[in-house]
Amino acid sequence: MRLAAPRHCGAGVLLGLLAFCAFADPVVIRTANASAMESGPIWVSRATWDAAEERLIVADPGSARIYVYEPSGKIERRIANPGQGKLEFTTPNYAFLIGNRYLIAATPFRWIWFNKDLVPESAWELDWEVGEGAYGKLIPGDIAFSSTHLYTVGETMSFKGEWSQSAIFAVSLKDRTVQKIARLAKDEDERSYYLEPPFNLAACGGKAWLLQMTPTVRIVEARDGGKRLNSFPSEFQKRPSLPAVPDAYSLPARGAARRNATVAEGLFCVDDRVLLLLAHKPRTDGGVQWLVYPIDPVRDAIGNAIELPTSAGEIVFVPGRKRWAILEKGIMKHAGVQPLTRMISFPRPALNADKARTAP
């Protein structure tokens, strides 16, 4: 795979990492459709395309609904809780497309499989009885799915009610077997980034990758002793200091500080082989500049930034195989209420526009 190359790089090695410096001007999206979004969802962290990339699926715990959006911003369907039992979803959240089915969180410990028509079929739980596994519960924070596993920064509870330290776990979608794959340092500032969207984990090429929010931000393979990528834009390598979130009332202050920061914001994967680093920084003329850096984790190669066609303070980024979408958020009124305002969609930009730059 060939990725666009940085044309300028100054001197500097930071903690043994190659510091990629000034890149060529970002790739600009020339053709995009923007539409006001029909109101409905009020607290959205993630969305996914359907298999054909013709509709967007949004699960919203705030309004207790799953929404199917047309690219025009119109709501095609509103799906409400079907009733009682394990298929109940009063707070649906985090919609993922896995194969031709959807996996959507109903509670922190229970997920529901939906078929391609968004009919709930079966529950998938992170809650075990004695004798079923090594843990009683797993509460996930950051989340990524491959076709075979859930990867999460989370904490486990023993059958005696004792909670573990935060670590990265892999859970089999087939039999719910849990494996701890990476330890995390006891760094509350780092941990705070793993408790808020967008997600810092991505499953790509059969591996889990972590946007590691240590004082020097970097991308690492999410396992003990895993590979550390040298490919990373230097201006986003410093972790900003943000207000802590001891309770829900602190979310607006942290959100405002994060909007005004220069920060690596999330990690995604397309084609099961290209990582997409989402980052943003303040614009000199107001608003926020959102950038996406394509990274080949196998070659440790980084491409030119792609500038997203939005200046919104907060967004939900939805990359697909053929199309990308941006869901702009309004101002957070308080924790649990921040409606979506506008949808922007466009053909996926080329990720092979120029020669690749590989890191030594």
Protein backbone atom coordinates (compact mmCIF):
# COMPACT_ATOMS: atom_id res chain seq x y z
CA MET A 1 0.00 0.00 0.00
CA ARG A 2 1.29 3.47 -0.87
CA LEU A 3 0.45 6.44 1.29
CA ALA A 4 0.97 10.13 0.76
CA ALA A 5 4.40 11.33 1.93
CA PRO A 6 5.39 14.15 4.27
CA ARG A 7 7.47 16.61 2.26
CA HIS A 8 9.23 18.35 5.13
CA CYS A 9 10.60 17.05 8.39
CA GLY A 10 12.77 18.99 10.78
CA ALA A 11 15.21 17.64 13.31
CA GLY A 12 14.11 16.04 16.52
CA VAL A 13 13.81 12.71 18.26
CA LEU A 14 11.45 12.60 21.23
CA LEU A 15 11.96 9.77 23.74
CA GLY A 16 13.38 7.59 21.00
CA LEU A 17 10.49 8.26 18.61
CA LEU A 18 10.93 9.69 15.17
CA ALA A 19 9.20 13.08 15.27
CA PHE A 20 7.46 13.61 11.96
CA CYS A 21 7.24 17.33 11.53
CA ALA A 22 5.60 19.62 8.98
CA PHE A 23 3.64 17.73 6.36
CA ALA A 24 2.50 18.97 3.01
CA ASP A 25 -0.80 20.80 3.04
CA PRO A 26 -3.64 18.48 4.03
CA VAL A 27 -5.74 16.80 1.38
CA VAL A 28 -8.94 18.85 1.07
CA ILE A 29 -12.35 17.26 0.52
CA ARG A 30 -13.80 19.03 -2.52
CA THR A 31 -17.15 17.24 -2.82
CA ALA A 32 -19.34 16.76 0.25
CA ASN A 33 -23.07 16.73 0.95
CA ALA A 34 -24.19 18.54 4.10
CA SER A 35 -27.70 18.34 5.53
CA ALA A 36 -29.41 19.28 8.76
CA MET A 37 -30.17 16.18 10.81
CA GLU A 38 -33.74 15.40 11.76
CA SER A 39 -33.89 15.58 15.56
CA GLY A 40 -34.06 12.48 17.68
CA PRO A 41 -30.76 11.34 19.24
CA ILE A 42 -29.47 13.41 22.14
CA TRP A 43 -26.34 11.58 23.39
CA VAL A 44 -24.38 9.78 20.67
CA SER A 45 -20.82 8.47 20.91
CA ARG A 46 -20.59 6.26 17.85
CA ALA A 47 -22.37 5.41 14.59
CA THR A 48 -21.85 2.90 11.81
CA TRP A 49 -22.70 2.52 8.15
CA ASP A 50 -24.96 -0.33 7.11
CA ALA A 51 -23.39 -3.06 4.97
CA ALA A 52 -24.22 -1.26 1.71
CA GLU A 53 -23.07 2.12 3.09
CA GLU A 54 -26.42 3.64 2.17
CA ARG A 55 -27.72 4.34 5.68
CA LEU A 56 -26.22 5.29 9.05
CA ILE A 57 -27.13 3.42 12.23
CA VAL A 58 -27.15 5.49 15.42
CA ALA A 59 -27.82 4.01 18.86
CA ASP A 60 -28.76 6.60 21.46
CA PRO A 61 -29.12 5.86 25.18
CA GLY A 62 -30.49 9.34 25.80
CA SER A 63 -33.70 8.82 23.84
CA ALA A 64 -33.72 5.00 24.23
CA ARG A 65 -33.91 4.50 20.46
CA ILE A 66 -31.92 3.14 17.55
CA TYR A 67 -32.13 5.39 14.47
CA VAL A 68 -31.60 4.65 10.79
CA TYR A 69 -30.57 7.83 8.97
CA GLU A 70 -30.58 8.52 5.26
CA PRO A 71 -27.56 10.51 3.96
CA SER A 72 -29.97 13.44 3.56
CA GLY A 73 -30.22 13.67 7.35
CA LYS A 74 -33.77 12.30 7.40
CA ILE A 75 -34.67 9.57 9.90
CA GLU A 76 -35.89 6.52 7.99
CA ARG A 77 -36.66 4.37 11.04
CA ARG A 78 -36.91 4.72 14.80
CA ILE A 79 -36.48 1.42 16.64
CA ALA A 80 -37.76 1.29 20.21
CA ASN A 81 -37.18 -1.21 22.99
CA PRO A 82 -38.98 -4.49 22.12
CA GLY A 83 -39.93 -5.47 25.64
CA GLN A 84 -38.51 -7.38 28.59
CA GLY A 85 -35.80 -9.98 29.02
CA LYS A 86 -32.31 -10.25 27.54
CA LEU A 87 -33.36 -8.54 24.28
CA GLU A 88 -34.51 -5.43 26.13
CA PHE A 89 -32.62 -2.24 25.34
CA THR A 90 -33.64 0.86 27.27
CA THR A 91 -30.21 2.49 26.81
CA PRO A 92 -28.85 1.32 23.41
CA ASN A 93 -25.32 2.52 22.71
CA TYR A 94 -22.25 1.96 20.49
CA ALA A 95 -23.52 0.40 17.25
CA PHE A 96 -21.00 -1.83 15.43
CA LEU A 97 -21.40 -3.63 12.10
CA ILE A 98 -19.74 -7.07 12.25
CA GLY A 99 -20.16 -9.03 9.04
CA ASN A 100 -23.79 -8.47 8.05
CA ARG A 101 -25.07 -8.14 11.63
CA TYR A 102 -25.02 -5.38 14.22
CA LEU A 103 -23.79 -5.62 17.79
CA ILE A 104 -25.20 -2.86 20.03
CA ALA A 105 -24.71 -2.35 23.76
CA ALA A 106 -27.85 -2.63 25.89
CA THR A 107 -26.04 -2.17 29.23
CA PRO A 108 -22.33 -2.09 30.13
CA PHE A 109 -22.46 -5.87 30.60
CA ARG A 110 -24.94 -6.94 27.92
CA TRP A 111 -24.85 -6.52 24.16
CA ILE A 112 -27.47 -7.56 21.62
CA TRP A 113 -26.99 -9.08 18.19
CA PHE A 114 -29.31 -7.59 15.55
CA ASN A 115 -29.79 -9.06 12.09
CA LYS A 116 -29.34 -7.01 8.91
CA ASP A 117 -32.89 -5.66 9.30
CA LEU A 118 -32.13 -4.52 12.87
CA VAL A 119 -34.31 -7.16 14.50
CA PRO A 120 -32.82 -8.25 17.87
CA GLU A 121 -31.87 -11.93 17.84
CA SER A 122 -29.66 -12.85 20.80
CA ALA A 123 -27.78 -11.43 23.78
CA TRP A 124 -24.02 -11.47 24.25
CA GLU A 125 -22.98 -10.85 27.84
CA LEU A 126 -19.88 -9.76 29.74
CA ASP A 127 -21.29 -11.34 32.90
CA TRP A 128 -20.39 -14.90 33.87
CA GLU A 129 -21.60 -17.45 36.38
CA VAL A 130 -19.18 -19.33 38.63
CA GLY A 131 -17.48 -21.99 36.56
CA GLU A 132 -18.02 -20.20 33.23
CA GLY A 133 -14.75 -18.30 33.25
CA ALA A 134 -12.07 -16.54 35.23
CA TYR A 135 -14.11 -13.40 35.95
CA GLY A 136 -17.58 -12.52 37.16
CA LYS A 137 -17.98 -9.31 35.15
CA LEU A 138 -16.07 -7.14 32.72
CA ILE A 139 -16.95 -3.47 32.44
CA PRO A 140 -15.63 -2.05 29.16
CA GLY A 141 -14.38 1.46 28.51
CA ASP A 142 -12.65 1.92 25.18
CA ILE A 143 -14.00 -0.62 22.67
CA ALA A 144 -13.03 -2.16 19.33
CA PHE A 145 -14.36 -5.22 17.53
CA SER A 146 -12.77 -7.53 14.99
CA SER A 147 -14.70 -10.30 13.29
CA THR A 148 -13.74 -12.63 16.15
CA HIS A 149 -13.09 -10.55 19.30
CA LEU A 150 -14.04 -7.61 21.44
CA TYR A 151 -11.00 -5.62 22.54
CA THR A 152 -11.49 -3.25 25.44
CA VAL A 153 -9.75 -1.12 28.02
CA GLY A 154 -11.71 -2.30 31.01
CA GLU A 155 -11.83 -3.66 34.51
CA THR A 156 -12.89 -7.11 35.68
CA MET A 157 -14.69 -8.16 38.84
CA SER A 158 -13.83 -11.42 40.54
CA PHE A 159 -16.50 -13.75 41.89
CA LYS A 160 -15.60 -12.34 45.32
CA GLY A 161 -16.57 -8.83 44.19
CA GLU A 162 -13.00 -7.51 43.88
CA TRP A 163 -12.24 -5.19 40.94
CA SER A 164 -9.03 -5.32 38.94
CA GLN A 165 -6.88 -2.44 37.74
CA SER A 166 -7.58 -1.15 34.23
CA ALA A 167 -6.05 -3.33 31.54
CA ILE A 168 -6.71 -4.33 27.93
CA PHE A 169 -8.75 -7.48 27.45
CA ALA A 170 -9.74 -9.61 24.46
CA VAL A 171 -13.08 -11.43 24.59
CA SER A 172 -13.99 -14.12 22.08
CA LEU A 173 -17.26 -13.42 20.26
CA LYS A 174 -17.74 -17.17 19.91
CA ASP A 175 -17.45 -18.43 23.47
CA ARG A 176 -16.83 -15.26 25.58
CA THR A 177 -13.40 -16.47 26.71
CA VAL A 178 -11.50 -13.55 28.27
CA GLN A 179 -7.77 -12.92 28.00
CA LYS A 180 -5.84 -10.01 29.52
CA ILE A 181 -3.49 -8.93 26.73
CA ALA A 182 -1.89 -5.73 28.05
CA ARG A 183 -1.28 -4.01 31.36
CA LEU A 184 -1.70 -0.26 31.75
CA ALA A 185 0.25 2.14 33.93
CA LYS A 186 -1.50 3.67 36.94
CA ASP A 187 -1.94 7.03 35.25
CA GLU A 188 -5.32 8.63 35.95
CA ASP A 189 -4.84 11.27 33.25
CA GLU A 190 -4.18 8.55 30.68
CA ARG A 191 -7.11 6.47 31.90
CA SER A 192 -9.49 9.42 31.61
CA TYR A 193 -8.99 9.44 27.83
CA TYR A 194 -10.07 5.80 27.64
CA LEU A 195 -13.37 6.58 29.38
CA GLU A 196 -14.68 9.01 26.78
CA PRO A 197 -15.35 8.78 23.04
CA PRO A 198 -14.15 8.59 20.37
CA PHE A 199 -12.41 5.32 20.97
CA ASN A 200 -8.66 4.93 21.32
CA LEU A 201 -8.72 1.25 20.29
CA ALA A 202 -8.94 -0.10 16.74
CA ALA A 203 -8.85 -3.66 15.41
CA CYS A 204 -6.83 -3.82 12.19
CA GLY A 205 -5.08 -6.64 10.36
CA GLY A 206 -5.90 -9.22 13.01
CA LYS A 207 -4.41 -7.08 15.78
CA ALA A 208 -5.65 -4.55 18.29
CA TRP A 209 -3.99 -1.12 18.27
CA LEU A 210 -4.10 1.50 21.01
CA LEU A 211 -3.81 5.26 20.73
CA GLN A 212 -1.84 5.39 23.95
CA MET A 213 -2.48 8.61 25.86
CA THR A 214 0.72 8.66 27.90
CA PRO A 215 2.48 12.05 28.27
CA THR A 216 4.02 11.31 24.86
CA VAL A 217 1.11 10.11 22.75
CA ARG A 218 1.75 7.22 20.37
CA ILE A 219 0.18 4.20 18.69
CA VAL A 220 1.14 0.79 20.03
CA GLU A 221 0.03 -2.77 19.42
CA ALA A 222 -2.34 -3.50 22.29
CA ARG A 223 -0.47 -6.36 23.92
CA ASP A 224 2.36 -6.57 26.41
CA GLY A 225 5.60 -6.10 24.48
CA GLY A 226 3.70 -5.09 21.35
CA LYS A 227 5.06 -3.06 18.46
CA ARG A 228 5.27 0.71 18.84
CA LEU A 229 4.71 2.72 15.68
CA ASN A 230 7.12 5.54 14.93
CA SER A 231 4.71 7.02 12.40
CA PHE A 232 2.89 9.81 14.22
CA PRO A 233 2.35 13.54 13.54
CA SER A 234 4.63 15.44 15.89
CA GLU A 235 2.24 18.28 16.73
CA PHE A 236 -0.12 15.79 18.38
CA GLN A 237 2.52 13.89 20.37
CA LYS A 238 2.09 15.93 23.55
CA ARG A 239 -0.88 14.96 25.71
CA PRO A 240 -2.83 18.06 26.73
CA SER A 241 -3.73 18.56 30.35
CA LEU A 242 -7.52 18.53 30.68
CA PRO A 243 -9.84 18.91 33.67
CA ALA A 244 -10.61 15.69 35.51
CA VAL A 245 -14.11 14.19 35.45
CA PRO A 246 -14.96 13.12 39.01
CA ASP A 247 -18.68 13.18 38.18
CA ALA A 248 -21.12 13.83 35.32
CA TYR A 249 -21.32 17.55 36.18
CA SER A 250 -17.67 17.90 35.13
CA LEU A 251 -18.23 16.68 31.55
CA PRO A 252 -19.05 20.08 29.96
CA ALA A 253 -15.87 21.68 31.35
CA ARG A 254 -13.69 18.84 30.10
CA GLY A 255 -15.46 18.87 26.74
CA ALA A 256 -14.87 22.62 26.33
CA ALA A 257 -11.19 22.25 27.21
CA ARG A 258 -10.80 19.34 24.81
CA ARG A 259 -12.42 21.30 21.96
CA ASN A 260 -9.81 24.02 22.38
CA ALA A 261 -6.86 21.63 22.63
CA THR A 262 -4.44 20.27 20.06
CA VAL A 263 -5.10 16.60 20.62
CA ALA A 264 -5.08 13.15 19.02
CA GLU A 265 -8.75 12.31 19.25
CA GLY A 266 -9.39 8.69 18.19
CA LEU A 267 -8.27 5.64 16.22
CA PHE A 268 -10.16 3.78 13.48
CA CYS A 269 -9.47 1.12 10.85
CA VAL A 270 -10.56 0.77 7.22
CA ASP A 271 -10.12 -2.20 4.89
CA ASP A 272 -8.76 -4.14 7.90
CA ARG A 273 -5.30 -2.79 7.03
CA VAL A 274 -5.16 1.01 7.35
CA LEU A 275 -5.32 2.82 10.68
CA LEU A 276 -6.91 6.26 10.68
CA LEU A 277 -5.73 8.66 13.36
CA LEU A 278 -8.31 11.37 14.07
CA ALA A 279 -6.93 14.59 15.54
CA HIS A 280 -7.94 18.21 15.87
CA LYS A 281 -6.60 21.64 16.72
CA PRO A 282 -8.04 25.18 16.94
CA ARG A 283 -8.32 27.17 13.71
CA THR A 284 -6.74 30.60 13.70
CA ASP A 285 -9.98 32.04 12.32
CA GLY A 286 -12.21 30.22 14.81
CA GLY A 287 -13.67 26.75 15.03
CA VAL A 288 -11.80 23.47 14.95
CA GLN A 289 -9.66 21.87 12.24
CA TRP A 290 -10.25 18.11 12.05
CA LEU A 291 -7.53 15.98 10.46
CA VAL A 292 -7.30 12.27 9.61
CA TYR A 293 -3.88 10.65 9.13
CA PRO A 294 -3.77 7.27 7.30
CA ILE A 295 -1.15 4.96 8.82
CA ASP A 296 0.01 1.59 7.52
CA PRO A 297 0.87 -0.36 10.71
CA VAL A 298 2.69 -3.12 8.83
CA ARG A 299 5.13 -0.81 7.03
CA ASP A 300 5.02 1.84 9.78
CA ALA A 301 4.16 4.43 7.12
CA ILE A 302 2.17 7.64 7.47
CA GLY A 303 0.38 9.64 4.81
CA ASN A 304 -0.56 13.27 4.42
CA ALA A 305 -3.38 14.49 6.59
CA ILE A 306 -6.91 14.59 5.19
CA GLU A 307 -8.81 17.66 6.35
CA LEU A 308 -12.42 16.90 7.16
CA PRO A 309 -14.99 19.39 5.82
CA THR A 310 -16.22 20.63 9.20
CA SER A 311 -15.25 23.17 11.84
CA ALA A 312 -17.63 21.86 14.51
CA GLY A 313 -16.37 21.61 18.06
CA GLU A 314 -17.40 17.95 18.45
CA ILE A 315 -18.19 15.30 15.88
CA VAL A 316 -18.89 11.60 15.39
CA PHE A 317 -16.58 10.35 12.62
CA VAL A 318 -17.91 7.40 10.58
CA PRO A 319 -15.36 6.02 8.09
CA GLY A 320 -16.47 3.37 5.61
CA ARG A 321 -15.04 1.38 2.73
CA LYS A 322 -16.59 3.65 0.10
CA ARG A 323 -18.00 6.63 2.01
CA TRP A 324 -17.18 8.65 5.07
CA ALA A 325 -19.57 10.65 7.20
CA ILE A 326 -19.36 13.29 9.90
CA LEU A 327 -22.13 13.86 12.41
CA GLU A 328 -21.77 17.28 13.97
CA LYS A 329 -22.80 17.78 17.58
CA GLY A 330 -24.37 20.85 19.11
CA ILE A 331 -23.34 22.40 22.41
CA MET A 332 -23.54 20.04 25.40
CA LYS A 333 -26.40 21.29 27.54
CA HIS A 334 -25.44 18.89 30.32
CA ALA A 335 -24.26 15.29 30.59
CA GLY A 336 -26.65 13.17 28.56
CA VAL A 337 -27.99 15.94 26.34
CA GLN A 338 -26.02 16.99 23.25
CA PRO A 339 -28.13 16.59 20.08
CA LEU A 340 -26.71 15.93 16.64
CA THR A 341 -27.15 18.89 14.29
CA ARG A 342 -25.73 18.21 10.83
CA MET A 343 -24.60 15.29 8.67
CA ILE A 344 -21.81 15.59 6.11
CA SER A 345 -21.02 12.67 3.78
CA PHE A 346 -18.58 12.25 0.92
CA PRO A 347 -16.78 9.56 -1.09
CA ARG A 348 -13.81 8.14 0.78
CA PRO A 349 -10.70 10.09 -0.17
CA ALA A 350 -7.77 8.28 -1.72
CA LEU A 351 -5.27 6.90 0.76
CA ASN A 352 -2.55 6.28 -1.84
CA ALA A 353 -2.12 9.71 -3.36
CA ASP A 354 1.67 9.84 -3.25
CA LYS A 355 4.78 7.95 -2.21
CA ALA A 356 4.86 6.55 1.28
CA ARG A 357 7.14 7.71 4.05
CA THR A 358 8.22 4.90 6.33
CA ALA A 359 9.64 5.42 9.75
CA PRO A 360 13.00 3.82 10.60
